[in-house]
Protein backbone atom coordinates (compact mmCIF):
# COMPACT_ATOMS: atom_id res chain seq x y z
CA MET A 1 90.98 100.00 90.99
CA PRO A 2 90.63 96.85 93.09
CA GLY A 3 92.69 96.67 96.26
CA ALA A 4 94.76 99.32 97.96
CA ALA A 5 97.26 101.36 95.99
CA VAL A 6 100.44 102.68 97.56
CA LEU A 7 102.59 105.46 96.16
CA ARG A 8 106.29 105.05 96.85
CA VAL A 9 109.11 107.39 95.87
CA LEU A 10 112.74 106.31 95.84
CA VAL A 11 115.20 109.20 95.96
CA PRO A 12 118.67 108.14 94.84
CA ASP A 13 121.30 109.45 97.22
CA GLU A 14 124.30 107.86 95.54
CA ASP A 15 124.12 110.08 92.43
CA PRO A 16 122.58 113.58 92.58
CA HIS A 17 122.03 113.52 88.81
CA LEU A 18 119.56 110.63 88.98
CA GLU A 19 115.85 111.47 89.12
CA PRO A 20 113.63 109.99 91.84
CA THR A 21 111.61 106.92 90.87
CA VAL A 22 107.88 107.03 91.59
CA ARG A 23 106.07 103.69 91.74
CA ILE A 24 102.43 102.95 92.22
CA TYR A 25 102.13 99.60 93.94
CA SER A 26 98.82 97.99 93.07
CA PRO A 27 97.71 94.82 91.30
CA ASP A 28 99.06 96.46 88.10
CA GLU A 29 102.34 98.02 89.27
CA HIS A 30 103.36 101.17 87.41
CA VAL A 31 106.43 103.42 87.33
CA VAL A 32 105.56 107.08 86.77
CA PRO A 33 108.20 109.41 85.29
CA TYR A 34 109.27 112.02 87.83
CA GLU A 35 108.55 114.87 85.38
CA ILE A 36 104.90 113.79 85.22
CA VAL A 37 104.63 113.67 89.01
CA GLN A 38 106.12 117.19 89.20
CA TRP A 39 103.68 118.48 86.58
CA PHE A 40 100.73 116.84 88.36
CA MET A 41 101.67 118.28 91.75
CA GLU A 42 102.05 121.76 90.22
CA GLN A 43 98.53 121.42 88.79
CA VAL A 44 97.22 120.32 92.19
CA ALA A 45 98.93 123.25 93.95
CA ASP A 46 97.45 125.71 91.43
CA GLN A 47 93.96 124.27 91.88
CA VAL A 48 94.24 124.37 95.69
CA GLU A 49 95.32 128.01 95.52
CA ARG A 50 92.40 128.92 93.22
CA CYS A 51 89.93 127.13 95.50
CA ARG A 52 91.27 128.86 98.61
CA ILE A 53 91.03 132.28 96.96
CA ALA A 54 87.49 131.58 95.72
CA PHE A 55 86.46 130.34 99.14
CA GLU A 56 87.84 133.44 100.87
CA GLN A 57 86.20 135.79 98.36
CA GLY A 58 82.82 134.18 97.91
CA GLY A 59 82.21 131.43 100.41
CA PRO A 60 81.87 127.69 99.82
CA GLU A 61 79.39 127.98 96.92
CA ALA A 62 82.08 129.76 94.84
CA VAL A 63 84.36 126.71 95.02
CA GLU A 64 81.89 124.37 93.28
């Protein structure tokens, strides 16, 4: 991806029923549905947890 990308999240405070808007600012600006961002972050958290457990149990070579 050429150029710097910036992730920006707008949380609506005027209506609690509205979902946050996640935008990726880059040469090709994109809006990402909040549900996808939630799913992605859950996957990241699961992977981090697995890596930490593997590292504690078997050292750095277990994480590869």
